[in-house]
Amino acid sequence: MPRGASAYSDPEFHLQCDRQAEELLRSFWNGVADGEALPADLRGLAEGAQTGEPGIRRCLTMERIGERLRIEVTAVGKGRTQLHLWREGVPTVVPSPGEPPVVAVADGLTHREREVALLVADGLRSREVAERLGIASQTVKSHLKTIFDKLGVRNRVELARRLEQR
């Protein structure tokens, strides 16, 4: 299953997405498909983005055992809303009786660095990541250098392996 994707909603709040975004959304909402109306939770988020200040993102996090889906929505003009989607693993370690709960160690990545890391780990090139996130290709490369330093990896393959372990 993909880790990150982008989608849009039109002025009537119908979903416009590719297969990756569909897969991510279906993991939490059955029946979601390109061209269909947004589920109620996402429609409320999209409506909120349309009524707020331009450029302000609204965020929704959905969780279930073992995974989390984060969705950020931003109004992009003419009634369209962009949805940034990414899936994260959630530790499911259950402590033994009498032991304190296990806390997941934060990786120290910023929100944008995490987006870039997940898309790169899914095999996207820097140019493709840049297009999907609406940033310059050089910015993606800059984020990658920082990500590699923070996670102690040397290349994209090691990054993907590191993220698989989470």
N, C-alpha and C. Protein backbone atom coordinates (compact mmCIF):
# COMPACT_ATOMS: atom_id res chain seq x y z
N MET A 1 0.85 -1.18 0.00
CA MET A 1 0.00 0.00 0.00
C MET A 1 0.89 1.24 0.00
N PRO A 2 0.52 2.28 -0.74
CA PRO A 2 1.34 3.49 -0.78
C PRO A 2 1.37 4.19 0.57
N ARG A 3 2.42 4.99 0.79
CA ARG A 3 2.54 5.75 2.03
C ARG A 3 2.02 7.16 1.88
N GLY A 4 2.12 7.75 0.68
CA GLY A 4 1.70 9.12 0.49
C GLY A 4 1.04 9.32 -0.86
N ALA A 5 0.14 10.28 -0.93
CA ALA A 5 -0.56 10.58 -2.17
C ALA A 5 -1.22 11.95 -2.06
N SER A 6 -1.67 12.44 -3.19
CA SER A 6 -2.41 13.70 -3.23
C SER A 6 -3.71 13.47 -3.97
N ALA A 7 -4.71 14.27 -3.63
CA ALA A 7 -6.00 14.21 -4.30
C ALA A 7 -6.59 15.62 -4.28
N TYR A 8 -7.69 15.81 -4.97
CA TYR A 8 -8.38 17.09 -5.00
C TYR A 8 -9.86 16.87 -4.80
N SER A 9 -10.56 17.92 -4.40
CA SER A 9 -12.02 17.90 -4.45
C SER A 9 -12.43 19.10 -5.28
N ASP A 10 -13.49 18.93 -6.05
CA ASP A 10 -13.98 20.01 -6.90
C ASP A 10 -14.94 20.89 -6.09
N PRO A 11 -15.50 21.94 -6.68
CA PRO A 11 -16.41 22.82 -5.93
C PRO A 11 -17.65 22.13 -5.37
N GLU A 12 -18.04 20.99 -5.96
CA GLU A 12 -19.18 20.22 -5.44
C GLU A 12 -18.75 19.15 -4.46
N PHE A 13 -17.47 19.17 -4.06
CA PHE A 13 -16.90 18.25 -3.09
C PHE A 13 -16.92 16.79 -3.56
N HIS A 14 -16.60 16.60 -4.85
CA HIS A 14 -16.39 15.27 -5.39
C HIS A 14 -14.88 15.02 -5.45
N LEU A 15 -14.48 13.80 -5.16
CA LEU A 15 -13.08 13.42 -5.10
C LEU A 15 -12.50 13.29 -6.50
N GLN A 16 -11.30 13.81 -6.69
CA GLN A 16 -10.52 13.63 -7.92
C GLN A 16 -9.18 13.08 -7.49
N CYS A 17 -8.94 11.80 -7.78
CA CYS A 17 -7.72 11.19 -7.27
C CYS A 17 -7.22 10.07 -8.17
N ASP A 18 -6.00 9.65 -7.91
CA ASP A 18 -5.43 8.50 -8.61
C ASP A 18 -5.60 7.25 -7.74
N ARG A 19 -5.09 6.15 -8.22
CA ARG A 19 -5.26 4.88 -7.52
C ARG A 19 -4.60 4.87 -6.15
N GLN A 20 -3.43 5.51 -6.04
CA GLN A 20 -2.74 5.54 -4.74
C GLN A 20 -3.58 6.23 -3.68
N ALA A 21 -4.12 7.39 -4.03
CA ALA A 21 -4.96 8.13 -3.07
C ALA A 21 -6.21 7.32 -2.73
N GLU A 22 -6.80 6.68 -3.74
CA GLU A 22 -7.98 5.84 -3.52
C GLU A 22 -7.68 4.74 -2.50
N GLU A 23 -6.54 4.07 -2.68
CA GLU A 23 -6.16 2.98 -1.76
C GLU A 23 -6.01 3.48 -0.33
N LEU A 24 -5.34 4.63 -0.18
CA LEU A 24 -5.16 5.18 1.16
C LEU A 24 -6.50 5.52 1.81
N LEU A 25 -7.36 6.16 1.06
CA LEU A 25 -8.66 6.56 1.62
C LEU A 25 -9.55 5.35 1.90
N ARG A 26 -9.50 4.35 1.04
CA ARG A 26 -10.33 3.15 1.24
C ARG A 26 -9.93 2.38 2.49
N SER A 27 -8.70 2.56 2.95
CA SER A 27 -8.31 1.85 4.16
C SER A 27 -9.10 2.35 5.37
N PHE A 28 -9.72 3.53 5.25
CA PHE A 28 -10.53 4.06 6.35
C PHE A 28 -11.98 4.32 5.97
N TRP A 29 -12.27 4.51 4.69
CA TRP A 29 -13.66 4.73 4.23
C TRP A 29 -13.94 3.80 3.06
N ASN A 30 -14.80 2.83 3.27
CA ASN A 30 -15.18 1.92 2.18
C ASN A 30 -15.94 2.69 1.12
N GLY A 31 -15.77 2.29 -0.12
CA GLY A 31 -16.55 2.88 -1.21
C GLY A 31 -16.02 4.19 -1.74
N VAL A 32 -14.91 4.67 -1.22
CA VAL A 32 -14.34 5.91 -1.74
C VAL A 32 -13.77 5.63 -3.12
N ALA A 33 -14.08 6.50 -4.08
CA ALA A 33 -13.58 6.32 -5.44
C ALA A 33 -13.51 7.66 -6.14
N ASP A 34 -12.68 7.72 -7.15
CA ASP A 34 -12.54 8.92 -7.97
C ASP A 34 -13.91 9.29 -8.54
N GLY A 35 -14.29 10.55 -8.41
CA GLY A 35 -15.56 11.04 -8.94
C GLY A 35 -16.71 10.97 -7.96
N GLU A 36 -16.54 10.23 -6.85
CA GLU A 36 -17.59 10.10 -5.84
C GLU A 36 -17.56 11.28 -4.87
N ALA A 37 -18.66 11.48 -4.16
CA ALA A 37 -18.72 12.53 -3.14
C ALA A 37 -17.75 12.19 -2.01
N LEU A 38 -17.14 13.23 -1.43
CA LEU A 38 -16.25 13.02 -0.29
C LEU A 38 -17.03 12.46 0.89
N PRO A 39 -16.42 11.57 1.69
CA PRO A 39 -17.06 11.14 2.93
C PRO A 39 -17.31 12.37 3.81
N ALA A 40 -18.26 12.28 4.69
CA ALA A 40 -18.69 13.41 5.52
C ALA A 40 -17.53 14.07 6.26
N ASP A 41 -16.63 13.27 6.86
CA ASP A 41 -15.49 13.84 7.60
C ASP A 41 -14.62 14.70 6.69
N LEU A 42 -14.34 14.17 5.50
CA LEU A 42 -13.48 14.90 4.57
C LEU A 42 -14.19 16.11 3.96
N ARG A 43 -15.50 15.99 3.76
CA ARG A 43 -16.23 17.13 3.22
C ARG A 43 -16.19 18.30 4.21
N GLY A 44 -16.38 18.01 5.49
CA GLY A 44 -16.31 19.06 6.50
C GLY A 44 -14.94 19.72 6.52
N LEU A 45 -13.90 18.91 6.36
CA LEU A 45 -12.55 19.44 6.33
C LEU A 45 -12.35 20.33 5.10
N ALA A 46 -12.84 19.88 3.95
CA ALA A 46 -12.71 20.65 2.70
C ALA A 46 -13.52 21.95 2.79
N GLU A 47 -14.72 21.87 3.34
CA GLU A 47 -15.53 23.08 3.50
C GLU A 47 -14.83 24.08 4.42
N GLY A 48 -14.23 23.58 5.49
CA GLY A 48 -13.49 24.45 6.40
C GLY A 48 -12.33 25.14 5.72
N ALA A 49 -11.63 24.41 4.84
CA ALA A 49 -10.52 25.00 4.10
C ALA A 49 -11.03 26.09 3.17
N GLN A 50 -12.19 25.88 2.55
CA GLN A 50 -12.74 26.86 1.60
C GLN A 50 -13.20 28.13 2.30
N THR A 51 -13.63 28.04 3.56
CA THR A 51 -14.13 29.22 4.25
C THR A 51 -13.04 29.94 5.04
N GLY A 52 -11.87 29.33 5.18
CA GLY A 52 -10.79 29.94 5.97
C GLY A 52 -9.91 30.84 5.13
N GLU A 53 -8.86 31.33 5.75
CA GLU A 53 -7.88 32.16 5.07
C GLU A 53 -7.14 31.31 4.03
N PRO A 54 -6.83 31.89 2.86
CA PRO A 54 -6.09 31.13 1.84
C PRO A 54 -4.75 30.64 2.38
N GLY A 55 -4.39 29.41 2.04
CA GLY A 55 -3.12 28.84 2.43
C GLY A 55 -3.10 28.15 3.78
N ILE A 56 -4.14 28.34 4.59
CA ILE A 56 -4.18 27.67 5.89
C ILE A 56 -4.64 26.24 5.69
N ARG A 57 -3.90 25.31 6.27
CA ARG A 57 -4.23 23.90 6.13
C ARG A 57 -5.10 23.43 7.28
N ARG A 58 -6.02 22.55 6.96
CA ARG A 58 -6.83 21.87 7.96
C ARG A 58 -6.34 20.42 7.97
N CYS A 59 -6.34 19.81 9.14
CA CYS A 59 -5.77 18.46 9.26
C CYS A 59 -6.74 17.52 9.96
N LEU A 60 -6.76 16.27 9.49
CA LEU A 60 -7.54 15.21 10.09
C LEU A 60 -6.63 14.00 10.23
N THR A 61 -6.65 13.38 11.39
CA THR A 61 -5.86 12.17 11.60
C THR A 61 -6.82 11.05 11.98
N MET A 62 -6.73 9.96 11.23
CA MET A 62 -7.55 8.77 11.49
C MET A 62 -6.60 7.67 11.95
N GLU A 63 -6.97 6.96 13.01
CA GLU A 63 -6.12 5.88 13.52
C GLU A 63 -6.91 4.61 13.72
N ARG A 64 -6.20 3.52 13.55
CA ARG A 64 -6.70 2.21 13.95
C ARG A 64 -5.48 1.39 14.30
N ILE A 65 -5.67 0.22 14.80
CA ILE A 65 -4.55 -0.58 15.28
C ILE A 65 -3.52 -0.76 14.17
N GLY A 66 -2.31 -0.32 14.44
CA GLY A 66 -1.21 -0.52 13.52
C GLY A 66 -0.98 0.55 12.48
N GLU A 67 -1.93 1.48 12.26
CA GLU A 67 -1.69 2.50 11.26
C GLU A 67 -2.45 3.79 11.53
N ARG A 68 -1.94 4.84 10.94
CA ARG A 68 -2.52 6.18 11.07
C ARG A 68 -2.57 6.78 9.67
N LEU A 69 -3.67 7.44 9.35
CA LEU A 69 -3.80 8.18 8.10
C LEU A 69 -3.94 9.64 8.44
N ARG A 70 -3.00 10.44 7.93
CA ARG A 70 -3.04 11.89 8.14
C ARG A 70 -3.48 12.55 6.84
N ILE A 71 -4.40 13.48 6.95
CA ILE A 71 -4.92 14.18 5.78
C ILE A 71 -4.86 15.67 6.06
N GLU A 72 -4.21 16.39 5.17
CA GLU A 72 -4.18 17.85 5.27
C GLU A 72 -4.86 18.40 4.03
N VAL A 73 -5.73 19.37 4.22
CA VAL A 73 -6.45 19.98 3.12
C VAL A 73 -6.14 21.48 3.04
N THR A 74 -5.99 21.95 1.81
CA THR A 74 -5.72 23.35 1.55
C THR A 74 -6.56 23.81 0.38
N ALA A 75 -7.22 24.96 0.53
CA ALA A 75 -7.96 25.54 -0.60
C ALA A 75 -6.93 26.03 -1.62
N VAL A 76 -7.13 25.66 -2.88
CA VAL A 76 -6.18 26.05 -3.93
C VAL A 76 -6.79 26.98 -4.96
N GLY A 77 -8.03 27.42 -4.75
CA GLY A 77 -8.66 28.37 -5.66
C GLY A 77 -9.76 27.76 -6.50
N LYS A 78 -10.69 28.61 -6.92
CA LYS A 78 -11.83 28.21 -7.76
C LYS A 78 -12.62 27.06 -7.15
N GLY A 79 -12.72 27.04 -5.83
CA GLY A 79 -13.51 26.02 -5.16
C GLY A 79 -12.84 24.66 -5.03
N ARG A 80 -11.61 24.54 -5.52
CA ARG A 80 -10.89 23.27 -5.44
C ARG A 80 -10.10 23.20 -4.14
N THR A 81 -10.02 22.00 -3.60
CA THR A 81 -9.28 21.76 -2.37
C THR A 81 -8.29 20.64 -2.64
N GLN A 82 -7.05 20.83 -2.21
CA GLN A 82 -6.04 19.79 -2.35
C GLN A 82 -5.95 19.01 -1.06
N LEU A 83 -5.89 17.70 -1.18
CA LEU A 83 -5.74 16.81 -0.02
C LEU A 83 -4.37 16.15 -0.10
N HIS A 84 -3.56 16.32 0.94
CA HIS A 84 -2.29 15.61 1.07
C HIS A 84 -2.55 14.45 2.02
N LEU A 85 -2.26 13.25 1.57
CA LEU A 85 -2.53 12.05 2.36
C LEU A 85 -1.23 11.30 2.62
N TRP A 86 -1.07 10.81 3.82
CA TRP A 86 0.03 9.90 4.06
C TRP A 86 -0.31 8.97 5.21
N ARG A 87 0.21 7.76 5.06
CA ARG A 87 -0.04 6.69 6.02
C ARG A 87 1.23 6.45 6.82
N GLU A 88 1.07 6.27 8.12
CA GLU A 88 2.19 6.01 9.01
C GLU A 88 1.88 4.77 9.83
N GLY A 89 2.90 4.00 10.10
CA GLY A 89 2.71 2.88 11.02
C GLY A 89 2.64 3.39 12.45
N VAL A 90 1.87 2.72 13.26
CA VAL A 90 1.75 3.06 14.68
C VAL A 90 2.23 1.84 15.45
N PRO A 91 3.19 2.02 16.36
CA PRO A 91 3.69 0.87 17.12
C PRO A 91 2.55 0.15 17.84
N THR A 92 2.58 -1.16 17.77
CA THR A 92 1.53 -1.95 18.42
C THR A 92 2.12 -2.83 19.53
N VAL A 93 3.24 -2.40 20.07
CA VAL A 93 3.89 -3.18 21.13
C VAL A 93 3.04 -3.12 22.39
N VAL A 94 2.70 -4.28 22.89
CA VAL A 94 1.91 -4.36 24.12
C VAL A 94 2.86 -4.75 25.25
N PRO A 95 2.97 -3.92 26.28
CA PRO A 95 3.90 -4.24 27.36
C PRO A 95 3.44 -5.45 28.16
N SER A 96 4.39 -6.14 28.73
CA SER A 96 4.07 -7.26 29.61
C SER A 96 3.43 -6.70 30.88
N PRO A 97 2.64 -7.51 31.59
CA PRO A 97 2.03 -7.02 32.83
C PRO A 97 3.10 -6.49 33.78
N GLY A 98 2.84 -5.31 34.34
CA GLY A 98 3.75 -4.69 35.28
C GLY A 98 4.82 -3.82 34.64
N GLU A 99 4.96 -3.86 33.29
CA GLU A 99 5.94 -3.02 32.61
C GLU A 99 5.29 -1.72 32.17
N PRO A 100 6.06 -0.63 32.12
CA PRO A 100 5.49 0.62 31.64
C PRO A 100 5.21 0.54 30.15
N PRO A 101 4.25 1.33 29.65
CA PRO A 101 3.95 1.31 28.22
C PRO A 101 5.16 1.75 27.40
N VAL A 102 5.29 1.17 26.21
CA VAL A 102 6.38 1.50 25.31
C VAL A 102 6.01 2.77 24.55
N VAL A 103 6.92 3.72 24.52
CA VAL A 103 6.69 4.97 23.80
C VAL A 103 7.55 4.95 22.54
N ALA A 104 6.93 5.26 21.40
CA ALA A 104 7.68 5.29 20.14
C ALA A 104 8.64 6.47 20.16
N VAL A 105 9.86 6.24 19.69
CA VAL A 105 10.86 7.29 19.62
C VAL A 105 10.56 8.18 18.43
N ALA A 106 10.53 9.48 18.62
CA ALA A 106 10.29 10.41 17.52
C ALA A 106 11.51 10.41 16.62
N ASP A 107 11.30 10.52 15.32
CA ASP A 107 12.41 10.50 14.38
C ASP A 107 13.01 11.88 14.17
N GLY A 108 12.41 12.92 14.72
CA GLY A 108 12.96 14.26 14.60
C GLY A 108 12.69 14.95 13.29
N LEU A 109 11.93 14.32 12.40
CA LEU A 109 11.63 14.93 11.10
C LEU A 109 10.50 15.94 11.24
N THR A 110 10.59 17.00 10.45
CA THR A 110 9.48 17.94 10.39
C THR A 110 8.36 17.31 9.58
N HIS A 111 7.22 17.96 9.59
CA HIS A 111 6.07 17.47 8.83
C HIS A 111 6.42 17.32 7.34
N ARG A 112 7.03 18.35 6.75
CA ARG A 112 7.36 18.31 5.32
C ARG A 112 8.44 17.28 5.04
N GLU A 113 9.43 17.15 5.93
CA GLU A 113 10.46 16.14 5.73
C GLU A 113 9.86 14.74 5.75
N ARG A 114 8.89 14.53 6.63
CA ARG A 114 8.23 13.22 6.70
C ARG A 114 7.47 12.94 5.40
N GLU A 115 6.79 13.96 4.86
CA GLU A 115 6.09 13.81 3.59
C GLU A 115 7.06 13.39 2.49
N VAL A 116 8.18 14.11 2.39
CA VAL A 116 9.18 13.83 1.37
C VAL A 116 9.74 12.42 1.56
N ALA A 117 10.08 12.07 2.79
CA ALA A 117 10.66 10.75 3.08
C ALA A 117 9.72 9.62 2.67
N LEU A 118 8.45 9.76 2.99
CA LEU A 118 7.50 8.69 2.66
C LEU A 118 7.32 8.55 1.16
N LEU A 119 7.27 9.65 0.45
CA LEU A 119 7.10 9.59 -1.01
C LEU A 119 8.35 9.02 -1.67
N VAL A 120 9.52 9.41 -1.20
CA VAL A 120 10.77 8.87 -1.75
C VAL A 120 10.86 7.37 -1.45
N ALA A 121 10.47 6.97 -0.26
CA ALA A 121 10.49 5.55 0.11
C ALA A 121 9.54 4.74 -0.76
N ASP A 122 8.50 5.39 -1.29
CA ASP A 122 7.57 4.71 -2.19
C ASP A 122 8.12 4.63 -3.62
N GLY A 123 9.33 5.19 -3.84
CA GLY A 123 9.98 5.05 -5.13
C GLY A 123 9.84 6.24 -6.07
N LEU A 124 9.29 7.33 -5.60
CA LEU A 124 9.15 8.50 -6.46
C LEU A 124 10.50 9.22 -6.60
N ARG A 125 10.74 9.78 -7.79
CA ARG A 125 11.93 10.59 -8.03
C ARG A 125 11.72 11.96 -7.42
N SER A 126 12.82 12.70 -7.26
CA SER A 126 12.74 14.04 -6.68
C SER A 126 11.77 14.93 -7.45
N ARG A 127 11.81 14.86 -8.76
CA ARG A 127 10.92 15.67 -9.60
C ARG A 127 9.46 15.30 -9.34
N GLU A 128 9.17 14.00 -9.21
CA GLU A 128 7.80 13.55 -8.96
C GLU A 128 7.31 13.98 -7.58
N VAL A 129 8.20 13.90 -6.58
CA VAL A 129 7.85 14.35 -5.23
C VAL A 129 7.56 15.85 -5.26
N ALA A 130 8.41 16.60 -5.96
CA ALA A 130 8.22 18.05 -6.05
C ALA A 130 6.88 18.39 -6.68
N GLU A 131 6.52 17.71 -7.75
CA GLU A 131 5.23 17.96 -8.41
C GLU A 131 4.08 17.63 -7.49
N ARG A 132 4.17 16.52 -6.80
CA ARG A 132 3.08 16.10 -5.92
C ARG A 132 2.89 17.06 -4.74
N LEU A 133 3.99 17.60 -4.21
CA LEU A 133 3.91 18.47 -3.05
C LEU A 133 3.87 19.95 -3.40
N GLY A 134 4.04 20.27 -4.68
CA GLY A 134 3.98 21.66 -5.10
C GLY A 134 5.18 22.47 -4.65
N ILE A 135 6.36 21.83 -4.65
CA ILE A 135 7.60 22.51 -4.27
C ILE A 135 8.64 22.29 -5.37
N ALA A 136 9.76 22.99 -5.28
CA ALA A 136 10.82 22.85 -6.28
C ALA A 136 11.59 21.54 -6.07
N SER A 137 12.09 21.00 -7.16
CA SER A 137 12.88 19.77 -7.10
C SER A 137 14.11 19.96 -6.22
N GLN A 138 14.73 21.13 -6.28
CA GLN A 138 15.91 21.41 -5.45
C GLN A 138 15.54 21.41 -3.97
N THR A 139 14.32 21.84 -3.64
CA THR A 139 13.86 21.81 -2.25
C THR A 139 13.74 20.38 -1.77
N VAL A 140 13.25 19.48 -2.62
CA VAL A 140 13.16 18.06 -2.27
C VAL A 140 14.55 17.53 -1.97
N LYS A 141 15.51 17.87 -2.81
CA LYS A 141 16.88 17.39 -2.60
C LYS A 141 17.46 17.92 -1.29
N SER A 142 17.15 19.17 -0.98
CA SER A 142 17.60 19.76 0.29
C SER A 142 16.97 19.03 1.48
N HIS A 143 15.66 18.75 1.38
CA HIS A 143 14.98 17.99 2.44
C HIS A 143 15.62 16.61 2.58
N LEU A 144 15.94 15.96 1.46
CA LEU A 144 16.53 14.62 1.52
C LEU A 144 17.87 14.63 2.26
N LYS A 145 18.69 15.63 2.02
CA LYS A 145 19.96 15.71 2.72
C LYS A 145 19.72 15.79 4.23
N THR A 146 18.78 16.62 4.64
CA THR A 146 18.47 16.76 6.06
C THR A 146 17.90 15.46 6.62
N ILE A 147 17.01 14.82 5.86
CA ILE A 147 16.40 13.55 6.29
C ILE A 147 17.48 12.49 6.48
N PHE A 148 18.38 12.37 5.51
CA PHE A 148 19.46 11.39 5.61
C PHE A 148 20.29 11.64 6.87
N ASP A 149 20.61 12.91 7.14
CA ASP A 149 21.40 13.25 8.33
C ASP A 149 20.65 12.88 9.61
N LYS A 150 19.37 13.24 9.68
CA LYS A 150 18.60 12.99 10.90
C LYS A 150 18.38 11.51 11.16
N LEU A 151 18.18 10.73 10.10
CA LEU A 151 17.91 9.30 10.28
C LEU A 151 19.16 8.44 10.21
N GLY A 152 20.30 9.05 9.88
CA GLY A 152 21.54 8.28 9.82
C GLY A 152 21.59 7.30 8.67
N VAL A 153 21.02 7.69 7.54
CA VAL A 153 21.06 6.84 6.34
C VAL A 153 21.87 7.57 5.26
N ARG A 154 22.34 6.80 4.25
CA ARG A 154 23.19 7.39 3.22
C ARG A 154 22.51 7.54 1.86
N ASN A 155 21.39 6.83 1.65
CA ASN A 155 20.77 6.89 0.33
C ASN A 155 19.29 6.52 0.43
N ARG A 156 18.60 6.55 -0.70
CA ARG A 156 17.16 6.29 -0.75
C ARG A 156 16.81 4.86 -0.36
N VAL A 157 17.66 3.92 -0.71
CA VAL A 157 17.39 2.52 -0.36
C VAL A 157 17.43 2.34 1.16
N GLU A 158 18.45 2.90 1.80
CA GLU A 158 18.53 2.82 3.25
C GLU A 158 17.36 3.54 3.90
N LEU A 159 16.94 4.65 3.32
CA LEU A 159 15.78 5.39 3.83
C LEU A 159 14.55 4.50 3.79
N ALA A 160 14.31 3.86 2.66
CA ALA A 160 13.13 2.98 2.52
C ALA A 160 13.18 1.85 3.53
N ARG A 161 14.35 1.25 3.70
CA ARG A 161 14.49 0.16 4.68
C ARG A 161 14.23 0.66 6.10
N ARG A 162 14.75 1.84 6.40
CA ARG A 162 14.57 2.41 7.74
C ARG A 162 13.08 2.66 8.01
N LEU A 163 12.38 3.18 7.01
CA LEU A 163 10.96 3.47 7.20
C LEU A 163 10.13 2.19 7.27
N GLU A 164 10.57 1.14 6.62
CA GLU A 164 9.86 -0.15 6.69
C GLU A 164 9.92 -0.72 8.10
N GLN A 165 10.99 -0.44 8.83
CA GLN A 165 11.18 -0.97 10.18
C GLN A 165 10.25 -0.32 11.17
N ARG A 166 9.68 0.82 10.83
CA ARG A 166 8.83 1.58 11.77
C ARG A 166 7.44 1.01 11.79
